[in-house]
Amino acid sequence: MKACLKDIVIITTDLDYWKKLFCQYGGWEIVSEGYVSSSLSKIYFSETPIKGSECVLRFPHSDVGRIRFIKWELPCRQDYKRPAGKIWDTGGIADFDLRVHDIYKTYFDLQEWGWRPAYLPNRMPAPPFELDEMLMSGPDGVMIAFIQRYQPPLELPEGYLFPSQAYLSAMIVKDYVTAYDFFINRLQFVTVTELNISFQDDVPNNFGIPRNFSQCIQGRLCMFSPDGGKESMMEIIHWPQLRGEDYSANTHPSLRGIFSYRIELKNLTEYFTKISDNNVKWHVPVKKTEIDGRFCLYCSIFSPDGALLEFFEFEE
């Protein structure tokens, strides 16, 4: 399957804030700005189109792992998709990952932008990788994992404070086997790696798990992508010993936060038919709509934990 995770879609109430953070601070660029097409808005809001402005941002060296921000013109207060979401709360899309040159500079800088960490930057227990990670929560309830990797060595472009695309994004799941079966067996995405997560006793950790419980906690994760590529991946994480809130039912398109994965692929109709044979229940079957001023085929599906996946193929 020739496909890629093109966009991570975020519902916001302040487009200007995100443009300033990613472009003026981080060094990204604006790909496009405009309005959400009425045909796509009708799909989101059940045939009652809501006017929405959007802005697509990307790291200049990548055309995948972009961030698409949408602001709806609604007359009511917009609640959060994952209110006060912790890394052990299930449902929807928890975060996305950006690489940084200096994680402590990011830690201090982002606090001035209104972001708060789950804990101080800390070593991520994910052998064979050696890296520091920091989870920070900011406007619209969005969580970003900032990563500084040491081993294997990784050269990042200079001159950017956010020197990568969104190369990874996490979903916290209630049941690892069910989620794995959905993404790998039914949707036929390709596994990149699987890891166990464990902590030493009474040692700080980047997830903010209390130190006196840390040795009792283990996690399991699987990284994957639609075609096995590593430029923009997704992952499922399961914490058997932790039970937080479940936000799987928070799927309304007006809710602020990380809304969906938008996946571009070739031969969408063929893929839709093939995956339908895997006992997949589509949220929106294949239909025509418009994205970025171009007509396309579109369909979508919810994961078992309420993460929305949107598939599209531009017409030639």
Protein backbone atom coordinates (compact mmCIF):
# COMPACT_ATOMS: atom_id res chain seq x y z
CA MET A 1 0.00 0.00 0.00
CA LYS A 2 1.42 3.36 -1.04
CA ALA A 3 0.28 5.74 1.69
CA CYS A 4 1.55 8.27 4.20
CA LEU A 5 0.42 10.09 7.30
CA LYS A 6 0.08 13.49 5.65
CA ASP A 7 -1.52 15.62 8.37
CA ILE A 8 -2.31 15.60 12.05
CA VAL A 9 -5.48 17.68 12.37
CA ILE A 10 -6.01 19.90 15.42
CA ILE A 11 -9.14 21.86 16.35
CA THR A 12 -8.20 25.22 17.85
CA THR A 13 -9.73 28.53 18.86
CA ASP A 14 -6.60 30.56 18.02
CA LEU A 15 -4.88 30.01 14.68
CA ASP A 16 -2.52 32.95 15.21
CA TYR A 17 -1.03 31.43 18.36
CA TRP A 18 -0.07 28.22 16.58
CA LYS A 19 1.34 30.03 13.56
CA LYS A 20 3.55 32.13 15.82
CA LEU A 21 4.71 29.13 17.87
CA PHE A 22 5.54 26.86 14.96
CA CYS A 23 6.74 29.43 12.42
CA GLN A 24 8.23 32.37 14.34
CA TYR A 25 9.65 30.20 17.12
CA GLY A 26 10.01 26.74 15.64
CA GLY A 27 11.06 27.63 12.09
CA TRP A 28 8.24 25.87 10.25
CA GLU A 29 6.45 27.32 7.24
CA ILE A 30 2.86 27.90 6.20
CA VAL A 31 1.78 25.60 3.37
CA SER A 32 -1.70 27.01 2.89
CA GLU A 33 -4.41 29.06 4.55
CA GLY A 34 -8.09 29.23 3.70
CA TYR A 35 -11.49 27.82 4.54
CA VAL A 36 -12.59 24.26 5.12
CA SER A 37 -14.64 23.23 2.10
CA SER A 38 -18.40 23.16 2.68
CA SER A 39 -18.53 19.59 1.39
CA LEU A 40 -16.04 18.40 4.02
CA SER A 41 -17.74 20.45 6.73
CA LYS A 42 -21.03 18.71 5.85
CA ILE A 43 -19.31 15.36 6.38
CA TYR A 44 -18.05 16.46 9.78
CA PHE A 45 -21.27 18.07 10.98
CA SER A 46 -23.89 15.70 9.52
CA GLU A 47 -25.00 17.78 6.53
CA THR A 48 -25.11 21.07 8.50
CA PRO A 49 -21.97 22.87 7.30
CA ILE A 50 -20.10 25.00 9.82
CA LYS A 51 -17.75 27.65 8.49
CA GLY A 52 -14.16 26.95 9.41
CA SER A 53 -10.77 28.52 8.74
CA GLU A 54 -7.69 26.36 8.47
CA CYS A 55 -3.93 26.66 8.26
CA VAL A 56 -1.48 23.93 7.25
CA LEU A 57 2.04 24.09 8.69
CA ARG A 58 5.04 21.92 7.89
CA PHE A 59 8.70 21.51 8.65
CA PRO A 60 10.44 22.85 5.50
CA HIS A 61 12.30 19.60 4.77
CA SER A 62 9.26 17.31 4.87
CA ASP A 63 5.89 17.01 3.16
CA VAL A 64 4.55 14.46 5.65
CA GLY A 65 3.88 14.82 9.35
CA ARG A 66 2.35 18.24 8.78
CA ILE A 67 -0.01 19.92 11.26
CA ARG A 68 -3.38 21.19 10.03
CA PHE A 69 -5.15 23.60 12.39
CA ILE A 70 -8.89 24.22 12.02
CA LYS A 71 -10.91 26.94 13.73
CA TRP A 72 -14.70 26.59 13.58
CA GLU A 73 -17.03 29.59 13.75
CA LEU A 74 -19.33 28.28 16.47
CA PRO A 75 -21.67 30.31 18.69
CA CYS A 76 -20.99 28.16 21.74
CA ARG A 77 -18.13 27.27 24.03
CA GLN A 78 -15.87 24.55 22.67
CA ASP A 79 -14.92 21.86 25.18
CA TYR A 80 -11.77 19.76 25.06
CA LYS A 81 -11.38 16.36 23.43
CA ARG A 82 -9.02 15.12 26.17
CA PRO A 83 -9.58 17.49 29.11
CA ALA A 84 -6.67 17.34 31.56
CA GLY A 85 -5.47 14.34 29.55
CA LYS A 86 -2.66 12.32 31.10
CA ILE A 87 -0.47 9.86 29.23
CA TRP A 88 -2.41 6.98 30.85
CA ASP A 89 -5.86 8.33 29.87
CA THR A 90 -7.24 6.32 26.97
CA GLY A 91 -9.14 7.49 23.92
CA GLY A 92 -8.52 9.57 20.83
CA ILE A 93 -5.02 10.81 19.97
CA ALA A 94 -2.86 11.66 22.97
CA ASP A 95 0.08 13.56 21.48
CA PHE A 96 2.57 13.93 18.68
CA ASP A 97 6.38 13.97 18.77
CA LEU A 98 8.84 16.63 17.64
CA ARG A 99 12.62 16.36 17.74
CA VAL A 100 14.68 19.14 19.31
CA HIS A 101 18.36 20.03 19.56
CA ASP A 102 18.27 21.01 23.23
CA ILE A 103 15.46 19.64 25.37
CA TYR A 104 16.20 21.91 28.34
CA LYS A 105 16.06 25.03 26.18
CA THR A 106 12.71 23.79 24.89
CA TYR A 107 11.59 23.17 28.48
CA PHE A 108 12.31 26.74 29.54
CA ASP A 109 11.19 28.41 26.32
CA LEU A 110 7.84 26.65 26.04
CA GLN A 111 6.87 27.53 29.60
CA GLU A 112 6.97 31.16 28.48
CA TRP A 113 4.53 30.21 25.72
CA GLY A 114 2.08 28.84 28.29
CA TRP A 115 3.05 25.16 28.21
CA ARG A 116 3.42 22.93 31.28
CA PRO A 117 5.38 19.67 31.54
CA ALA A 118 4.14 16.38 32.92
CA TYR A 119 7.58 16.22 34.53
CA LEU A 120 11.09 17.49 33.90
CA PRO A 121 12.91 16.17 30.82
CA ASN A 122 13.96 12.61 31.53
CA ARG A 123 15.56 9.58 29.94
CA MET A 124 12.99 7.49 28.08
CA PRO A 125 13.34 3.77 28.93
CA ALA A 126 13.09 2.49 25.36
CA PRO A 127 16.15 0.40 24.45
CA PRO A 128 17.91 0.21 22.04
CA PHE A 129 17.17 3.95 21.73
CA GLU A 130 18.86 6.40 24.07
CA LEU A 131 16.90 9.62 24.29
CA ASP A 132 15.45 12.25 26.57
CA GLU A 133 11.74 12.96 26.34
CA MET A 134 9.49 15.64 27.78
CA LEU A 135 5.70 15.74 27.58
CA MET A 136 4.23 19.24 27.59
CA SER A 137 0.58 20.33 27.50
CA GLY A 138 -0.51 23.62 25.99
CA PRO A 139 -3.43 25.49 24.39
CA ASP A 140 -6.48 23.55 23.19
CA GLY A 141 -5.42 20.65 25.43
CA VAL A 142 -2.72 19.63 22.95
CA MET A 143 0.16 17.52 24.25
CA ILE A 144 3.51 17.38 22.45
CA ALA A 145 6.35 14.99 23.24
CA PHE A 146 9.70 16.71 22.67
CA ILE A 147 12.57 14.32 21.95
CA GLN A 148 16.34 14.72 22.06
CA ARG A 149 17.95 11.52 20.77
CA TYR A 150 21.53 10.47 21.48
CA GLN A 151 21.73 6.87 20.25
CA PRO A 152 21.62 5.87 17.50
CA PRO A 153 23.14 9.22 16.47
CA LEU A 154 20.81 11.51 14.55
CA GLU A 155 21.79 14.71 12.76
CA LEU A 156 19.13 17.40 12.75
CA PRO A 157 19.08 20.47 10.49
CA GLU A 158 20.51 23.54 12.16
CA GLY A 159 18.67 26.83 12.44
CA TYR A 160 15.33 25.39 13.63
CA LEU A 161 14.03 25.08 17.18
CA PHE A 162 11.51 22.48 15.94
CA PRO A 163 13.90 20.69 13.52
CA SER A 164 11.63 17.86 12.38
CA GLN A 165 8.20 16.98 11.11
CA ALA A 166 5.71 15.34 13.47
CA TYR A 167 7.44 11.99 13.09
CA LEU A 168 5.37 10.04 15.63
CA SER A 169 1.98 10.29 17.32
CA ALA A 170 0.60 8.23 20.19
CA MET A 171 -2.77 6.72 21.02
CA ILE A 172 -3.33 5.32 24.52
CA VAL A 173 -5.43 2.18 24.27
CA LYS A 174 -7.53 0.13 26.67
CA ASP A 175 -6.57 -3.22 25.18
CA TYR A 176 -3.30 -3.79 23.33
CA VAL A 177 -4.39 -6.92 21.45
CA THR A 178 -7.59 -5.30 20.16
CA ALA A 179 -5.81 -2.14 19.01
CA TYR A 180 -2.98 -4.10 17.40
CA ASP A 181 -5.47 -6.29 15.54
CA PHE A 182 -7.33 -3.23 14.26
CA PHE A 183 -4.33 -1.36 12.89
CA ILE A 184 -2.07 -4.19 11.79
CA ASN A 185 -4.40 -7.02 10.81
CA ARG A 186 -7.55 -5.21 9.73
CA LEU A 187 -6.22 -1.92 8.30
CA GLN A 188 -3.01 -3.67 7.22
CA PHE A 189 -0.67 -0.98 8.47
CA VAL A 190 2.95 -2.10 8.86
CA THR A 191 4.73 -2.57 12.19
CA VAL A 192 7.99 -0.64 12.57
CA THR A 193 8.91 -1.76 16.09
CA GLU A 194 7.47 -3.03 19.36
CA LEU A 195 8.88 -2.12 22.77
CA ASN A 196 8.28 -2.73 26.45
CA ILE A 197 8.47 0.24 28.82
CA SER A 198 9.61 -0.24 32.41
CA PHE A 199 10.99 1.99 35.15
CA GLN A 200 13.48 1.67 37.96
CA ASP A 201 12.32 2.04 41.54
CA ASP A 202 12.20 5.57 43.01
CA VAL A 203 13.58 7.20 39.86
CA PRO A 204 11.92 10.18 38.13
CA ASN A 205 10.25 9.47 34.80
CA ASN A 206 9.10 11.62 31.90
CA PHE A 207 5.47 10.46 32.18
CA GLY A 208 4.92 11.91 35.64
CA ILE A 209 4.17 8.53 37.26
CA PRO A 210 4.81 8.82 41.03
CA ARG A 211 8.28 7.55 41.89
CA ASN A 212 7.15 5.16 44.62
CA PHE A 213 4.96 3.31 42.08
CA SER A 214 7.29 3.46 39.10
CA GLN A 215 8.82 -0.02 39.45
CA CYS A 216 5.32 -1.54 39.47
CA ILE A 217 4.38 0.02 36.13
CA GLN A 218 5.07 -1.49 32.73
CA GLY A 219 3.92 -0.40 29.32
CA ARG A 220 3.79 -1.90 25.87
CA LEU A 221 3.97 0.06 22.63
CA CYS A 222 3.88 -0.63 18.93
CA MET A 223 5.03 1.87 16.31
CA PHE A 224 3.60 1.52 12.80
CA SER A 225 2.74 3.45 9.68
CA PRO A 226 0.46 2.90 6.68
CA ASP A 227 3.32 1.63 4.50
CA GLY A 228 6.10 0.85 6.99
CA GLY A 229 7.91 4.17 6.46
CA LYS A 230 9.51 5.90 9.45
CA GLU A 231 9.07 9.54 8.44
CA SER A 232 5.66 9.88 10.07
CA MET A 233 4.48 7.05 12.29
CA MET A 234 1.70 6.27 14.75
CA GLU A 235 1.88 4.19 17.89
CA ILE A 236 -0.38 2.50 20.39
CA ILE A 237 0.60 2.46 24.07
CA HIS A 238 -1.03 0.31 26.74
CA TRP A 239 -0.52 0.63 30.52
CA PRO A 240 -1.94 -2.54 32.13
CA GLN A 241 -1.40 -1.31 35.71
CA LEU A 242 -2.77 2.22 35.18
CA ARG A 243 -6.39 3.20 34.69
CA GLY A 244 -7.23 6.83 34.04
CA GLU A 245 -10.12 8.50 32.25
CA ASP A 246 -11.45 7.15 28.96
CA TYR A 247 -12.13 9.78 26.29
CA SER A 248 -13.01 7.35 23.51
CA ALA A 249 -16.52 8.78 23.17
CA ASN A 250 -15.29 12.36 22.68
CA THR A 251 -15.45 12.31 18.90
CA HIS A 252 -17.46 15.43 17.98
CA PRO A 253 -15.60 17.61 15.44
CA SER A 254 -16.10 20.77 17.51
CA LEU A 255 -14.00 19.51 20.42
CA ARG A 256 -10.65 21.25 20.83
CA GLY A 257 -7.47 19.21 20.60
CA ILE A 258 -5.96 16.61 18.29
CA PHE A 259 -8.85 15.64 16.02
CA SER A 260 -7.63 13.12 13.44
CA TYR A 261 -4.95 11.53 11.31
CA ARG A 262 -5.29 12.40 7.63
CA ILE A 263 -3.75 9.70 5.44
CA GLU A 264 -3.10 10.13 1.73
CA LEU A 265 -3.01 6.95 -0.33
CA LYS A 266 -3.25 5.63 -3.84
CA ASN A 267 -6.17 3.48 -5.01
CA LEU A 268 -8.47 4.46 -2.16
CA THR A 269 -11.51 2.68 -3.58
CA GLU A 270 -9.56 -0.56 -3.92
CA TYR A 271 -8.25 -0.18 -0.36
CA PHE A 272 -11.74 0.54 0.98
CA THR A 273 -13.12 -2.61 -0.64
CA LYS A 274 -10.23 -4.74 0.55
CA ILE A 275 -10.39 -3.54 4.14
CA SER A 276 -14.18 -3.83 4.23
CA ASP A 277 -13.66 -7.57 3.83
CA ASN A 278 -11.72 -7.50 7.14
CA ASN A 279 -14.92 -6.80 9.11
CA VAL A 280 -14.18 -3.08 9.34
CA LYS A 281 -17.10 -0.73 10.00
CA TRP A 282 -16.46 2.56 8.21
CA HIS A 283 -17.61 5.83 9.76
CA VAL A 284 -17.89 7.54 6.35
CA PRO A 285 -17.84 5.37 3.21
CA VAL A 286 -16.05 6.54 0.09
CA LYS A 287 -17.43 9.80 -1.25
CA LYS A 288 -16.22 12.87 -3.07
CA THR A 289 -15.25 16.04 -1.23
CA GLU A 290 -12.74 18.88 -1.46
CA ILE A 291 -9.47 19.38 0.42
CA ASP A 292 -7.13 22.32 -0.16
CA GLY A 293 -9.11 23.41 -3.19
CA ARG A 294 -8.79 20.04 -4.89
CA PHE A 295 -11.42 17.37 -5.41
CA CYS A 296 -10.70 14.04 -3.83
CA LEU A 297 -12.13 10.74 -2.71
CA TYR A 298 -12.55 10.48 1.05
CA CYS A 299 -13.52 7.97 3.71
CA SER A 300 -12.98 7.70 7.46
CA ILE A 301 -13.03 5.26 10.32
CA PHE A 302 -12.76 5.31 14.11
CA SER A 303 -10.29 3.08 15.95
CA PRO A 304 -11.59 0.97 18.87
CA ASP A 305 -10.46 3.81 21.17
CA GLY A 306 -12.08 6.64 19.23
CA ALA A 307 -9.15 7.91 17.14
CA LEU A 308 -10.41 9.23 13.79
CA LEU A 309 -8.51 8.18 10.66
CA GLU A 310 -9.34 10.06 7.46
CA PHE A 311 -8.23 8.58 4.14
CA PHE A 312 -8.12 10.64 0.96
CA GLU A 313 -6.92 10.45 -2.63
CA PHE A 314 -6.73 13.48 -4.90
CA GLU A 315 -8.30 13.08 -8.31
CA GLU A 316 -5.86 13.21 -11.19
